[in-house]
Amino acid sequence: MDEDTLQALSRALTHLVFRNGAVEDLHAVGAVLDDTAMEQLNRDVHNRFYTLLAIWFNGTGPERDRLEKMLNFLARFYGRNWSPAKKLDF
């Protein structure tokens, strides 16, 4: 995947999955997340999505292997007590 598409997709996912939800509600009231904290969180999530996508689509074999192992580990051991995900309307 080319760099422009990776950047655009990671920005879009940051907004869709992170920014435009409960986090924005907390930021909007200003009591929990000020602008500086919100910028830091957005940058961190955007960088994490970009890294995931860059490895997923363009990574080397060893990078993809490490990512697959990490995702399998996280899926097995973290968030197991969360309620099942629900499809949202956009």
Protein backbone atom coordinates (compact mmCIF):
# COMPACT_ATOMS: atom_id res chain seq x y z
CA MET A 1 0.00 0.00 0.00
CA ASP A 2 1.40 3.41 -0.87
CA GLU A 3 2.34 5.99 1.79
CA ASP A 4 -0.50 8.44 1.04
CA THR A 5 -3.09 5.68 1.40
CA LEU A 6 -1.52 4.44 4.65
CA GLN A 7 -1.58 7.97 6.07
CA ALA A 8 -5.18 8.60 4.98
CA LEU A 9 -6.40 5.24 6.26
CA SER A 10 -4.70 5.63 9.63
CA ARG A 11 -6.23 9.13 10.03
CA ALA A 12 -9.67 7.85 9.06
CA LEU A 13 -9.45 4.92 11.48
CA THR A 14 -8.26 7.23 14.26
CA HIS A 15 -11.33 9.38 13.78
CA LEU A 16 -13.75 6.51 13.29
CA VAL A 17 -12.51 4.18 16.01
CA PHE A 18 -11.13 6.57 18.60
CA ARG A 19 -11.71 10.29 18.16
CA ASN A 20 -15.38 10.52 17.20
CA GLY A 21 -16.85 8.62 20.11
CA ALA A 22 -16.76 8.69 23.88
CA VAL A 23 -13.34 10.36 23.85
CA GLU A 24 -14.73 13.34 21.96
CA ASP A 25 -17.58 13.58 24.46
CA LEU A 26 -15.02 13.80 27.27
CA HIS A 27 -13.01 16.38 25.36
CA ALA A 28 -16.08 18.47 24.51
CA VAL A 29 -16.87 19.14 28.16
CA GLY A 30 -13.23 20.10 28.73
CA ALA A 31 -13.22 18.78 32.26
CA VAL A 32 -11.40 15.55 31.53
CA LEU A 33 -9.34 16.13 28.38
CA ASP A 34 -7.97 19.54 27.48
CA ASP A 35 -6.77 20.36 23.95
CA THR A 36 -3.15 19.41 24.71
CA ALA A 37 -4.10 16.01 26.11
CA MET A 38 -6.46 15.40 23.19
CA GLU A 39 -3.70 16.22 20.67
CA GLN A 40 -1.33 13.81 22.42
CA LEU A 41 -3.92 11.04 22.44
CA ASN A 42 -4.83 11.60 18.80
CA ARG A 43 -1.17 11.53 17.76
CA ASP A 44 -0.50 8.34 19.73
CA VAL A 45 -3.53 6.49 18.34
CA HIS A 46 -2.80 7.73 14.81
CA ASN A 47 0.81 6.50 15.06
CA ARG A 48 -0.35 3.13 16.38
CA PHE A 49 -2.87 2.67 13.57
CA TYR A 50 -0.25 3.72 11.01
CA THR A 51 2.29 1.24 12.41
CA LEU A 52 -0.27 -1.57 12.40
CA LEU A 53 -1.34 -0.84 8.83
CA ALA A 54 2.21 -0.34 7.55
CA ILE A 55 3.28 -3.72 8.92
CA TRP A 56 0.03 -5.43 7.89
CA PHE A 57 0.27 -4.29 4.26
CA ASN A 58 3.97 -3.58 3.67
CA GLY A 59 5.92 -5.23 6.46
CA THR A 60 8.63 -7.79 6.08
CA GLY A 61 7.92 -11.43 6.85
CA PRO A 62 9.43 -11.20 10.36
CA GLU A 63 7.50 -7.97 11.10
CA ARG A 64 4.21 -9.56 10.04
CA ASP A 65 5.00 -12.68 12.07
CA ARG A 66 5.63 -10.56 15.20
CA LEU A 67 2.43 -8.59 14.58
CA GLU A 68 0.41 -11.79 14.17
CA LYS A 69 1.83 -13.22 17.40
CA MET A 70 1.13 -10.00 19.27
CA LEU A 71 -2.45 -9.78 17.99
CA ASN A 72 -3.10 -13.42 18.85
CA PHE A 73 -1.70 -12.89 22.35
CA LEU A 74 -3.73 -9.73 22.93
CA ALA A 75 -6.92 -11.36 21.67
CA ARG A 76 -6.44 -14.36 23.95
CA PHE A 77 -5.44 -12.62 27.18
CA TYR A 78 -6.79 -9.06 27.19
CA GLY A 79 -10.37 -7.84 27.19
CA ARG A 80 -11.79 -11.31 27.68
CA ASN A 81 -14.20 -9.97 30.29
CA TRP A 82 -15.48 -7.23 27.95
CA SER A 83 -19.00 -7.44 26.59
CA PRO A 84 -19.19 -8.66 23.00
CA ALA A 85 -18.74 -5.92 20.39
CA LYS A 86 -21.82 -4.50 18.71
CA LYS A 87 -22.09 -3.07 15.22
CA LEU A 88 -22.61 0.69 15.32
CA ASP A 89 -24.52 2.86 12.88
CA PHE A 90 -22.41 5.53 11.18
